[in-house]
Amino acid sequence: MTQPILETAMHKRPKHRTFRLTVLGATGVALAVGATTLASAAPSYFGNSAPKPTVILVNGAWSGPASWHGVIKRLQSAGYPVAAPPTGLRSLPGDSAYLASYLKTIRGPIVLVGQSYGGSVITNAATGNPNVKALVYISAFAPDKGETVKELTAKFPGTHITTDPNPDALPTALDPVPFTLADGTGGVDLYAKADQYRDLFLSNRLSSKDSAELAAEQNPVNAQALGEASGDPAWKTIPSWYLVSREDHLIPPATERFMAARAHAHTVEADTPHAAQVTNPATVSKLIEQATDTIR
């Protein structure tokens, strides 16, 4: 999902608790003079007696960094340094290793946010990085060691990604596109079908026109990434926050509640679709700011 038009269209682990979000009005924060320059690959954060943590936003499958547009706008207005490095969507180990390398270029505390498949990526990439102080999951996978995106999607009923009861069958909402690389290796990319994109990711919250535009711009995921086992989970040692999207048509809300409870995450529930960062950026920004408040 990738369009600014959506903005207008729309250590001891913490004990698990669930509460509702209140309406958020993005609060502007005056920036101190004299920003501190970080490593060349990393964003800058502002000179202050208590500088705000850097927020890193990680997109999921069939999405892209621009899906965070509304969230980035709000967080930057509130004075947070923000970056949204692209997720390769090629393999879970590879995507996680890339993000882990990127995180090492950032000085100071980090709040790491993942949406959908991006949750699996942050779960692996943050492990062992002492600068990552909080994990935030937005309608996201939070796998334990050995679990896959594919099996978690099917753990509870409710997903619209497939109507085929055969767990080994290709999800009916996806189109396979084989590819071959220059070195002769290849694989299969999975695209969400255009006529099902609006229901699957947006729960019909956006117009058909806007949804069709997003479907045309989607970033496919390599099929193998959805079946690769996750490693040691960072949420076992890093405090976490979780947005359960009650209108999620891709990850069943029951699965999201299960993962949030297992991680002892600070959990909120909202009537949001799978792509909550697109349709409800204020809700997402509020949860991220709640996570940052605990480490400042």
Protein backbone atom coordinates (compact mmCIF):
# COMPACT_ATOMS: atom_id res chain seq x y z
CA MET A 1 0.00 0.00 0.00
CA THR A 2 1.62 3.22 -1.06
CA GLN A 3 -0.29 6.49 -1.44
CA PRO A 4 -0.41 9.89 0.22
CA ILE A 5 -4.05 10.08 -0.97
CA LEU A 6 -4.85 7.74 1.86
CA GLU A 7 -4.03 10.44 4.38
CA THR A 8 -6.96 12.44 3.20
CA ALA A 9 -9.16 9.39 2.57
CA MET A 10 -9.07 8.50 5.59
CA HIS A 11 14.96 -6.72 32.52
CA LYS A 12 11.19 -7.60 33.31
CA ARG A 13 8.53 -7.96 30.78
CA PRO A 14 5.40 -5.85 31.23
CA LYS A 15 2.19 -7.55 32.26
CA HIS A 16 -0.36 -8.04 29.48
CA ARG A 17 -3.19 -5.54 29.52
CA THR A 18 -5.91 -4.53 27.08
CA PHE A 19 -7.54 -1.12 26.72
CA ARG A 20 -9.26 1.07 24.14
CA LEU A 21 -7.62 3.95 22.34
CA THR A 22 -8.96 7.47 22.66
CA VAL A 23 -9.10 9.89 19.76
CA LEU A 24 -5.69 11.36 19.10
CA GLY A 25 -4.92 14.81 17.89
CA ALA A 26 -1.30 14.88 16.77
CA THR A 27 0.61 17.11 19.17
CA GLY A 28 3.29 19.36 17.74
CA VAL A 29 6.52 19.53 19.71
CA ALA A 30 8.99 22.40 19.29
CA LEU A 31 12.33 21.13 18.10
CA ALA A 32 15.45 22.11 19.99
CA VAL A 33 18.12 24.01 18.08
CA GLY A 34 21.14 22.06 16.94
CA ALA A 35 20.27 18.55 15.75
CA THR A 36 22.73 15.76 16.44
CA THR A 37 23.96 14.09 13.27
CA LEU A 38 23.80 10.32 13.26
CA ALA A 39 25.59 7.80 11.09
CA SER A 40 25.23 8.49 7.39
CA ALA A 41 22.63 5.78 6.79
CA ALA A 42 20.54 6.76 9.78
CA PRO A 43 18.11 9.59 10.54
CA SER A 44 19.01 12.47 12.82
CA TYR A 45 17.41 13.05 16.16
CA PHE A 46 17.07 16.36 17.88
CA GLY A 47 19.38 17.87 20.45
CA ASN A 48 17.61 17.84 23.80
CA SER A 49 18.33 16.91 27.40
CA ALA A 50 16.18 13.85 26.74
CA PRO A 51 16.21 13.21 22.97
CA LYS A 52 13.28 11.31 21.56
CA PRO A 53 13.91 7.77 20.37
CA THR A 54 14.19 7.06 16.68
CA VAL A 55 11.09 5.37 15.29
CA ILE A 56 11.75 2.79 12.57
CA LEU A 57 8.71 1.68 10.55
CA VAL A 58 8.81 -1.68 8.74
CA ASN A 59 6.25 -2.47 6.06
CA GLY A 60 4.77 -5.87 5.37
CA ALA A 61 3.92 -7.85 2.25
CA TRP A 62 1.86 -6.28 -0.55
CA SER A 63 2.81 -2.91 0.91
CA GLY A 64 5.70 -0.44 0.97
CA PRO A 65 7.28 2.37 3.01
CA ALA A 66 4.81 4.92 1.61
CA SER A 67 1.99 3.09 3.41
CA TRP A 68 3.30 4.82 6.56
CA HIS A 69 2.74 8.30 5.10
CA GLY A 70 0.08 9.39 7.58
CA VAL A 71 1.98 7.94 10.53
CA ILE A 72 5.26 9.56 9.50
CA LYS A 73 3.58 12.94 9.12
CA ARG A 74 2.16 12.79 12.64
CA LEU A 75 5.30 11.51 14.33
CA GLN A 76 7.54 14.06 12.63
CA SER A 77 5.16 16.84 13.59
CA ALA A 78 5.53 15.66 17.19
CA GLY A 79 9.32 15.89 16.93
CA TYR A 80 10.24 12.24 16.45
CA PRO A 81 13.07 11.20 14.11
CA VAL A 82 11.51 8.62 11.78
CA ALA A 83 12.73 6.29 9.05
CA ALA A 84 10.95 3.66 6.97
CA PRO A 85 13.58 1.51 5.23
CA PRO A 86 12.07 -0.76 2.57
CA THR A 87 11.44 -4.43 3.30
CA GLY A 88 12.78 -6.66 0.54
CA LEU A 89 10.03 -9.28 0.90
CA ARG A 90 12.47 -11.88 -0.44
CA SER A 91 13.11 -14.15 2.56
CA LEU A 92 12.59 -13.85 6.29
CA PRO A 93 16.26 -14.46 7.21
CA GLY A 94 17.45 -12.08 4.49
CA ASP A 95 14.94 -9.33 5.24
CA SER A 96 15.70 -9.60 8.95
CA ALA A 97 19.47 -9.50 8.44
CA TYR A 98 19.16 -6.39 6.27
CA LEU A 99 17.08 -4.58 8.89
CA ALA A 100 19.44 -5.68 11.68
CA SER A 101 22.34 -4.14 9.77
CA TYR A 102 20.42 -0.91 9.27
CA LEU A 103 19.54 -0.68 12.97
CA LYS A 104 23.23 -0.84 13.87
CA THR A 105 23.78 2.52 12.13
CA ILE A 106 21.40 4.32 14.50
CA ARG A 107 22.64 5.87 17.73
CA GLY A 108 20.47 6.06 20.76
CA PRO A 109 17.20 4.33 21.65
CA ILE A 110 15.01 2.84 18.93
CA VAL A 111 11.30 2.07 18.81
CA LEU A 112 10.85 -0.60 16.15
CA VAL A 113 7.44 -0.88 14.48
CA GLY A 114 6.29 -3.67 12.15
CA GLN A 115 3.07 -4.20 10.22
CA SER A 116 1.86 -7.58 8.93
CA TYR A 117 4.90 -9.62 7.69
CA GLY A 118 7.01 -6.72 8.95
CA GLY A 119 6.21 -7.98 12.46
CA SER A 120 8.10 -11.18 11.72
CA VAL A 121 11.00 -9.12 10.42
CA ILE A 122 11.30 -6.94 13.53
CA THR A 123 10.90 -10.00 15.77
CA ASN A 124 14.10 -11.39 14.29
CA ALA A 125 16.05 -8.20 13.49
CA ALA A 126 15.86 -6.71 17.01
CA THR A 127 17.21 -9.78 18.81
CA GLY A 128 20.49 -8.91 20.50
CA ASN A 129 20.36 -5.16 19.74
CA PRO A 130 20.48 -3.25 23.05
CA ASN A 131 19.36 0.00 21.41
CA VAL A 132 15.93 -1.38 20.55
CA LYS A 133 13.88 -0.43 23.58
CA ALA A 134 10.36 -1.21 22.36
CA LEU A 135 8.62 -3.28 19.70
CA VAL A 136 5.29 -2.18 18.27
CA TYR A 137 3.16 -4.61 16.27
CA ILE A 138 0.45 -3.20 13.99
CA SER A 139 -1.90 -5.98 12.79
CA ALA A 140 1.31 -7.96 12.63
CA PHE A 141 2.85 -11.36 13.02
CA ALA A 142 4.80 -11.86 16.26
CA PRO A 143 6.10 -15.41 15.78
CA ASP A 144 7.81 -17.61 18.30
CA LYS A 145 10.88 -19.60 17.33
CA GLY A 146 10.12 -22.09 14.56
CA GLU A 147 6.76 -20.58 13.57
CA THR A 148 5.91 -19.39 10.07
CA VAL A 149 3.63 -16.71 8.68
CA LYS A 150 1.69 -19.39 6.83
CA GLU A 151 0.88 -21.48 9.89
CA LEU A 152 0.03 -18.47 12.06
CA THR A 153 -2.43 -17.20 9.44
CA ALA A 154 -4.24 -20.53 9.60
CA LYS A 155 -4.05 -20.95 13.38
CA PHE A 156 -7.57 -19.57 13.94
CA PRO A 157 -10.47 -19.22 11.48
CA GLY A 158 -11.32 -15.90 9.92
CA THR A 159 -8.76 -15.08 7.24
CA HIS A 160 -10.05 -14.06 3.79
CA ILE A 161 -6.77 -14.87 2.09
CA THR A 162 -8.03 -18.31 1.11
CA THR A 163 -11.22 -20.31 0.83
CA ASP A 164 -9.40 -23.58 0.14
CA PRO A 165 -9.40 -25.91 3.20
CA ASN A 166 -6.20 -27.57 1.94
CA PRO A 167 -3.38 -25.95 3.97
CA ASP A 168 -0.86 -26.72 1.24
CA ALA A 169 -2.86 -25.02 -1.51
CA LEU A 170 -2.01 -21.56 -2.81
CA PRO A 171 -4.21 -18.97 -1.07
CA THR A 172 -7.13 -18.19 -3.36
CA ALA A 173 -6.70 -14.40 -2.98
CA LEU A 174 -3.19 -14.52 -4.43
CA ASP A 175 -1.76 -14.83 -7.94
CA PRO A 176 1.59 -16.64 -8.41
CA VAL A 177 4.13 -15.02 -10.76
CA PRO A 178 7.25 -17.16 -11.43
CA PHE A 179 10.53 -15.29 -11.87
CA THR A 180 14.08 -16.09 -12.93
CA LEU A 181 17.13 -14.09 -11.86
CA ALA A 182 20.26 -13.38 -13.87
CA ASP A 183 22.18 -16.18 -12.12
CA GLY A 184 19.56 -18.72 -13.17
CA THR A 185 17.89 -19.07 -9.80
CA GLY A 186 14.26 -18.22 -9.41
CA GLY A 187 11.13 -18.50 -7.40
CA VAL A 188 7.52 -17.42 -7.23
CA ASP A 189 6.24 -13.99 -6.29
CA LEU A 190 2.75 -13.72 -4.84
CA TYR A 191 0.50 -10.79 -5.77
CA ALA A 192 -2.85 -10.06 -4.16
CA LYS A 193 -5.63 -10.27 -6.74
CA ALA A 194 -6.86 -6.82 -7.69
CA ASP A 195 -10.52 -7.68 -7.14
CA GLN A 196 -9.82 -8.89 -3.59
CA TYR A 197 -7.30 -6.31 -2.46
CA ARG A 198 -9.86 -3.86 -1.06
CA ASP A 199 -11.51 -6.49 1.13
CA LEU A 200 -8.33 -8.23 2.24
CA PHE A 201 -6.27 -5.23 3.33
CA LEU A 202 -8.71 -2.35 3.73
CA SER A 203 -11.95 -4.06 4.78
CA ASN A 204 -13.63 -1.86 2.16
CA ARG A 205 -12.76 1.32 4.11
CA LEU A 206 -11.46 3.16 1.03
CA SER A 207 -13.15 3.85 -2.28
CA SER A 208 -12.88 1.31 -5.07
CA LYS A 209 -10.81 3.82 -7.04
CA ASP A 210 -8.25 4.39 -4.29
CA SER A 211 -8.08 0.70 -3.50
CA ALA A 212 -7.47 -0.17 -7.15
CA GLU A 213 -4.58 2.28 -7.22
CA LEU A 214 -3.01 0.64 -4.19
CA ALA A 215 -3.49 -2.82 -5.68
CA ALA A 216 -1.69 -1.68 -8.83
CA GLU A 217 1.28 -0.45 -6.76
CA GLN A 218 1.60 -3.39 -4.37
CA ASN A 219 4.97 -5.00 -3.63
CA PRO A 220 4.76 -8.80 -3.98
CA VAL A 221 6.28 -11.22 -1.52
CA ASN A 222 8.41 -14.21 -2.43
CA ALA A 223 6.35 -17.30 -1.62
CA GLN A 224 9.22 -18.91 0.29
CA ALA A 225 9.29 -16.07 2.84
CA LEU A 226 5.83 -17.01 4.11
CA GLY A 227 6.93 -20.54 4.93
CA GLU A 228 10.30 -19.83 6.57
CA ALA A 229 10.71 -20.51 10.28
CA SER A 230 11.29 -17.58 12.60
CA GLY A 231 14.29 -17.39 14.91
CA ASP A 232 14.68 -16.41 18.56
CA PRO A 233 11.99 -13.77 19.19
CA ALA A 234 13.01 -10.32 20.38
CA TRP A 235 9.69 -9.91 22.21
CA LYS A 236 10.92 -12.31 24.88
CA THR A 237 13.42 -9.71 26.09
CA ILE A 238 12.11 -6.38 24.73
CA PRO A 239 8.83 -4.78 25.88
CA SER A 240 6.15 -4.83 23.21
CA TRP A 241 2.94 -3.08 22.21
CA TYR A 242 0.28 -4.55 19.93
CA LEU A 243 -2.63 -3.16 17.92
CA VAL A 244 -5.29 -5.83 17.40
CA SER A 245 -7.35 -4.87 14.35
CA ARG A 246 -10.85 -6.19 14.94
CA GLU A 247 -11.73 -5.82 11.23
CA ASP A 248 -8.59 -7.58 9.95
CA HIS A 249 -9.44 -9.83 7.00
CA LEU A 250 -5.93 -11.22 6.54
CA ILE A 251 -4.68 -12.15 10.03
CA PRO A 252 -7.63 -13.34 12.10
CA PRO A 253 -8.14 -11.08 15.15
CA ALA A 254 -8.08 -14.21 17.31
CA THR A 255 -4.55 -14.89 16.07
CA GLU A 256 -3.51 -11.33 16.84
CA ARG A 257 -4.88 -11.59 20.38
CA PHE A 258 -3.04 -14.90 20.84
CA MET A 259 0.29 -13.46 19.74
CA ALA A 260 -0.14 -10.28 21.78
CA ALA A 261 -0.99 -12.20 24.95
CA ARG A 262 1.91 -14.59 24.48
CA ALA A 263 4.32 -11.68 24.13
CA HIS A 264 2.85 -10.00 27.23
CA ALA A 265 2.32 -6.95 25.02
CA HIS A 266 0.55 -3.77 26.03
CA THR A 267 -2.48 -4.36 23.83
CA VAL A 268 -5.12 -2.12 22.33
CA GLU A 269 -8.00 -3.12 20.10
CA ALA A 270 -9.59 -0.93 17.46
CA ASP A 271 -12.12 -1.29 14.64
CA THR A 272 -9.35 -1.10 12.07
CA PRO A 273 -8.57 -3.23 8.98
CA HIS A 274 -5.33 -5.08 8.29
CA ALA A 275 -3.73 -1.94 6.85
CA ALA A 276 -4.48 0.17 9.91
CA GLN A 277 -1.50 2.44 9.23
CA VAL A 278 -3.20 3.48 5.97
CA THR A 279 -6.78 3.94 7.10
CA ASN A 280 -6.22 4.96 10.73
CA PRO A 281 -2.80 6.63 11.04
CA ALA A 282 -3.83 8.59 14.15
CA THR A 283 -4.64 5.36 15.99
CA VAL A 284 -1.33 3.83 14.98
CA SER A 285 0.66 6.96 15.88
CA LYS A 286 -0.96 7.08 19.30
CA LEU A 287 0.16 3.54 20.13
CA ILE A 288 3.71 4.26 18.95
CA GLU A 289 3.87 7.35 21.14
CA GLN A 290 2.64 5.33 24.11
CA ALA A 291 5.60 2.98 23.57
CA THR A 292 8.08 5.85 23.32
CA ASP A 293 6.78 7.44 26.54
CA THR A 294 8.01 4.48 28.57
CA ILE A 295 11.65 4.89 27.51
CA ARG A 296 12.08 8.66 27.62
